[in-house]
């Protein structure tokens, strides 16, 4: 099971990113733990300046804007 964190303030783009990740993980039959990180200090700790950010297994794989379906699939496949 992968641990995935969506970094952001809880804005619409952050919510959409989290929903898309969960939906695609379900489609791929992957079990994930999805966390939403809204604490600014924690987000900055990952070096993310533009949200939403996506962290998979403590590695930042995306920052800024909603990732497209293919990018999410790629992140889940790593």
C-alpha atoms as a PDB file:
ATOM      1  CA  UNK A   1       0.000   0.000   0.000  1.00  0.00           C
ATOM      2  CA  UNK A   2       1.388   3.378  -1.039  1.00  0.00           C
ATOM      3  CA  UNK A   3       1.174   6.479   1.089  1.00  0.00           C
ATOM      4  CA  UNK A   4       0.288   9.537  -0.965  1.00  0.00           C
ATOM      5  CA  UNK A   5       0.063  13.071   0.358  1.00  0.00           C
ATOM      6  CA  UNK A   6      -1.656  15.954  -1.397  1.00  0.00           C
ATOM      7  CA  UNK A   7      -0.068  19.198  -0.254  1.00  0.00           C
ATOM      8  CA  UNK A   8      -2.162  22.346  -0.340  1.00  0.00           C
ATOM      9  CA  UNK A   9      -4.464  24.731   1.455  1.00  0.00           C
ATOM     10  CA  UNK A  10      -7.600  22.732   0.730  1.00  0.00           C
ATOM     11  CA  UNK A  11      -8.463  24.777  -2.348  1.00  0.00           C
ATOM     12  CA  UNK A  12     -10.571  23.421  -5.206  1.00  0.00           C
ATOM     13  CA  UNK A  13      -7.482  22.296  -7.174  1.00  0.00           C
ATOM     14  CA  UNK A  14      -6.139  20.446  -4.127  1.00  0.00           C
ATOM     15  CA  UNK A  15      -9.470  18.723  -3.560  1.00  0.00           C
ATOM     16  CA  UNK A  16      -9.709  17.785  -7.246  1.00  0.00           C
ATOM     17  CA  UNK A  17      -6.176  16.364  -7.182  1.00  0.00           C
ATOM     18  CA  UNK A  18      -7.009  14.161  -4.182  1.00  0.00           C
ATOM     19  CA  UNK A  19     -10.255  12.973  -5.784  1.00  0.00           C
ATOM     20  CA  UNK A  20      -8.516  12.173  -9.078  1.00  0.00           C
ATOM     21  CA  UNK A  21      -5.740  10.222  -7.346  1.00  0.00           C
ATOM     22  CA  UNK A  22      -8.246   8.130  -5.369  1.00  0.00           C
ATOM     23  CA  UNK A  23     -10.395   7.487  -8.452  1.00  0.00           C
ATOM     24  CA  UNK A  24      -7.458   6.404 -10.608  1.00  0.00           C
ATOM     25  CA  UNK A  25      -6.006   4.235  -7.823  1.00  0.00           C
ATOM     26  CA  UNK A  26      -9.394   2.514  -7.542  1.00  0.00           C
ATOM     27  CA  UNK A  27      -9.510   2.005 -11.327  1.00  0.00           C
ATOM     28  CA  UNK A  28      -6.012   0.500 -11.231  1.00  0.00           C
ATOM     29  CA  UNK A  29      -6.917  -1.736  -8.284  1.00  0.00           C
ATOM     30  CA  UNK A  30      -4.256  -0.162  -6.069  1.00  0.00           C
ATOM     31  CA  UNK A  31      -4.747   0.325  -2.367  1.00  0.00           C
ATOM     32  CA  UNK A  32      -3.440   3.681  -1.200  1.00  0.00           C
ATOM     33  CA  UNK A  33      -3.420   5.762   1.931  1.00  0.00           C
ATOM     34  CA  UNK A  34      -4.301   9.313   0.909  1.00  0.00           C
ATOM     35  CA  UNK A  35      -3.438  12.168   3.256  1.00  0.00           C
ATOM     36  CA  UNK A  36      -4.199  15.853   2.815  1.00  0.00           C
ATOM     37  CA  UNK A  37      -1.505  18.127   4.209  1.00  0.00           C
ATOM     38  CA  UNK A  38      -2.642  21.709   4.791  1.00  0.00           C
ATOM     39  CA  UNK A  39       0.009  22.898   7.249  1.00  0.00           C
ATOM     40  CA  UNK A  40       2.091  25.552   5.482  1.00  0.00           C
ATOM     41  CA  UNK A  41       5.266  24.734   7.414  1.00  0.00           C
ATOM     42  CA  UNK A  42       4.979  21.041   6.519  1.00  0.00           C
ATOM     43  CA  UNK A  43       4.345  21.876   2.851  1.00  0.00           C
ATOM     44  CA  UNK A  44       7.395  24.162   2.815  1.00  0.00           C
ATOM     45  CA  UNK A  45       9.382  21.333   4.417  1.00  0.00           C
ATOM     46  CA  UNK A  46       8.924  19.380   1.196  1.00  0.00           C
ATOM     47  CA  UNK A  47      10.231  22.356  -0.794  1.00  0.00           C
ATOM     48  CA  UNK A  48       6.890  22.826  -2.544  1.00  0.00           C
ATOM     49  CA  UNK A  49       6.189  26.458  -3.360  1.00  0.00           C
ATOM     50  CA  UNK A  50       3.251  25.925  -5.713  1.00  0.00           C
ATOM     51  CA  UNK A  51       0.287  23.766  -4.761  1.00  0.00           C
ATOM     52  CA  UNK A  52      -1.208  21.309  -5.121  1.00  0.00           C
ATOM     53  CA  UNK A  53       1.798  19.117  -4.560  1.00  0.00           C
ATOM     54  CA  UNK A  54       1.833  15.323  -4.620  1.00  0.00           C
ATOM     55  CA  UNK A  55       4.189  13.273  -2.459  1.00  0.00           C
ATOM     56  CA  UNK A  56       4.418   9.513  -2.992  1.00  0.00           C
ATOM     57  CA  UNK A  57       6.327   7.531  -0.365  1.00  0.00           C
ATOM     58  CA  UNK A  58       7.930  10.791   0.877  1.00  0.00           C
ATOM     59  CA  UNK A  59       9.160  11.791  -2.596  1.00  0.00           C
ATOM     60  CA  UNK A  60       7.745  14.934  -4.253  1.00  0.00           C
ATOM     61  CA  UNK A  61       6.512  13.904  -7.706  1.00  0.00           C
ATOM     62  CA  UNK A  62       4.374  16.901  -8.652  1.00  0.00           C
ATOM     63  CA  UNK A  63       3.896  20.550  -7.729  1.00  0.00           C
ATOM     64  CA  UNK A  64       1.651  23.257  -9.129  1.00  0.00           C
ATOM     65  CA  UNK A  65      -1.671  22.561 -10.810  1.00  0.00           C
ATOM     66  CA  UNK A  66      -3.829  19.474 -11.066  1.00  0.00           C
ATOM     67  CA  UNK A  67      -1.835  16.574 -12.548  1.00  0.00           C
ATOM     68  CA  UNK A  68      -3.436  14.917 -15.577  1.00  0.00           C
ATOM     69  CA  UNK A  69      -4.619  11.305 -15.601  1.00  0.00           C
ATOM     70  CA  UNK A  70      -1.467   9.957 -17.274  1.00  0.00           C
ATOM     71  CA  UNK A  71       0.804  11.666 -14.741  1.00  0.00           C
ATOM     72  CA  UNK A  72      -1.230  10.251 -11.873  1.00  0.00           C
ATOM     73  CA  UNK A  73      -1.021   6.756 -13.388  1.00  0.00           C
ATOM     74  CA  UNK A  74       2.738   7.191 -13.707  1.00  0.00           C
ATOM     75  CA  UNK A  75       3.034   8.283 -10.077  1.00  0.00           C
ATOM     76  CA  UNK A  76       1.008   5.306  -8.889  1.00  0.00           C
ATOM     77  CA  UNK A  77       3.085   2.898 -10.981  1.00  0.00           C
ATOM     78  CA  UNK A  78       6.402   3.942  -9.449  1.00  0.00           C
END
